[in-house]
Amino acid sequence: AVDFYVKVMGWYHVSGPIKVKEKDQESRLSLISRNLYGKDWGSFRFAHFANAAGVGFEIFEFENNKTIRSINDSFKTGITHFAV
């Protein structure tokens, strides 16, 4: 996914992917994530990007995503569209 956002979207890769595990008791990111996402998310990876205007983007991939099919419903996903 990193290559796609860099090559196709023209974004700058800032960091990641970084893996965060729910059961990691030593990691500050795990603690923050447990507070945000609750229980049973398992783990996720995320990466940071920025565009030429300095706008930052975080891309997340959750291990326990139970949605098998894509849901094209902005009220469920929070995403309406991307425009370049």
Protein backbone atom coordinates (compact mmCIF):
# COMPACT_ATOMS: atom_id res chain seq x y z
CA ALA A 1 0.00 0.00 0.00
CA VAL A 2 2.90 2.37 0.71
CA ASP A 3 4.06 2.17 -2.91
CA PHE A 4 0.56 2.99 -4.17
CA TYR A 5 0.24 6.17 -2.11
CA VAL A 6 3.76 7.31 -3.00
CA LYS A 7 3.74 6.46 -6.73
CA VAL A 8 0.08 6.98 -7.66
CA MET A 9 -1.05 9.67 -5.23
CA GLY A 10 2.31 11.47 -5.11
CA TRP A 11 2.36 11.52 -1.31
CA TYR A 12 5.54 11.54 0.77
CA HIS A 13 6.10 8.51 3.00
CA VAL A 14 6.81 9.83 6.50
CA SER A 15 6.87 6.64 8.62
CA GLY A 16 5.62 3.08 8.95
CA PRO A 17 4.05 0.75 8.57
CA ILE A 18 4.12 0.45 12.35
CA LYS A 19 2.50 -2.62 13.94
CA VAL A 20 0.54 -2.19 17.18
CA LYS A 21 -0.58 -5.24 19.17
CA GLU A 22 -3.51 -5.12 21.59
CA LYS A 23 -1.84 -7.43 24.14
CA ASP A 24 1.50 -5.56 24.23
CA GLN A 25 1.60 -4.21 27.79
CA GLU A 26 4.91 -2.36 27.28
CA SER A 27 3.91 -0.18 24.32
CA ARG A 28 2.47 3.30 24.82
CA LEU A 29 0.81 3.00 21.39
CA SER A 30 -0.94 -0.18 22.54
CA LEU A 31 -2.24 1.56 25.67
CA ILE A 32 -3.57 4.51 23.67
CA SER A 33 -5.12 2.14 21.11
CA ARG A 34 -6.86 0.08 23.82
CA ASN A 35 -8.36 3.32 25.15
CA LEU A 36 -9.53 4.31 21.66
CA TYR A 37 -10.67 0.99 20.18
CA GLY A 38 -11.65 -1.05 23.24
CA LYS A 39 -11.17 -4.83 23.12
CA ASP A 40 -10.75 -7.54 20.50
CA TRP A 41 -9.02 -5.59 17.73
CA GLY A 42 -5.97 -7.88 17.90
CA SER A 43 -3.44 -5.77 16.04
CA PHE A 44 -3.18 -3.18 13.32
CA ARG A 45 -0.59 -1.53 11.13
CA PHE A 46 -0.50 2.12 10.20
CA ALA A 47 1.64 4.43 8.12
CA HIS A 48 1.99 8.21 7.91
CA PHE A 49 2.05 10.20 4.68
CA ALA A 50 2.00 13.87 3.70
CA ASN A 51 1.15 15.61 0.45
CA ALA A 52 2.95 18.54 -1.16
CA ALA A 53 0.77 21.02 0.75
CA GLY A 54 1.83 19.46 4.05
CA VAL A 55 -1.49 17.76 4.76
CA GLY A 56 -0.92 14.56 6.76
CA PHE A 57 -2.64 11.22 6.21
CA GLU A 58 -2.70 8.08 8.34
CA ILE A 59 -3.63 4.77 6.72
CA PHE A 60 -4.77 1.92 9.01
CA GLU A 61 -5.12 -1.84 8.44
CA PHE A 62 -6.82 -3.80 11.25
CA GLU A 63 -6.13 -7.53 11.68
CA ASN A 64 -9.62 -8.33 12.99
CA ASN A 65 -11.64 -6.43 10.41
CA LYS A 66 -14.79 -8.55 10.20
CA THR A 67 -16.21 -6.85 7.12
CA ILE A 68 -15.83 -9.29 4.24
CA ARG A 69 -17.26 -7.02 1.55
CA SER A 70 -16.65 -3.35 1.00
CA ILE A 71 -19.46 -1.21 2.41
CA ASN A 72 -20.07 1.86 0.29
CA ASP A 73 -21.89 3.74 3.04
CA SER A 74 -20.26 6.91 4.35
CA PHE A 75 -22.30 6.68 7.57
CA LYS A 76 -20.58 3.35 8.39
CA THR A 77 -17.06 3.97 7.07
CA GLY A 78 -16.66 7.71 7.62
CA ILE A 79 -15.17 8.06 4.13
CA THR A 80 -17.10 9.81 1.40
CA HIS A 81 -14.46 10.17 -1.32
CA PHE A 82 -10.94 11.16 -2.20
CA ALA A 83 -10.30 13.65 -4.96
CA VAL A 84 -6.98 14.54 -6.53
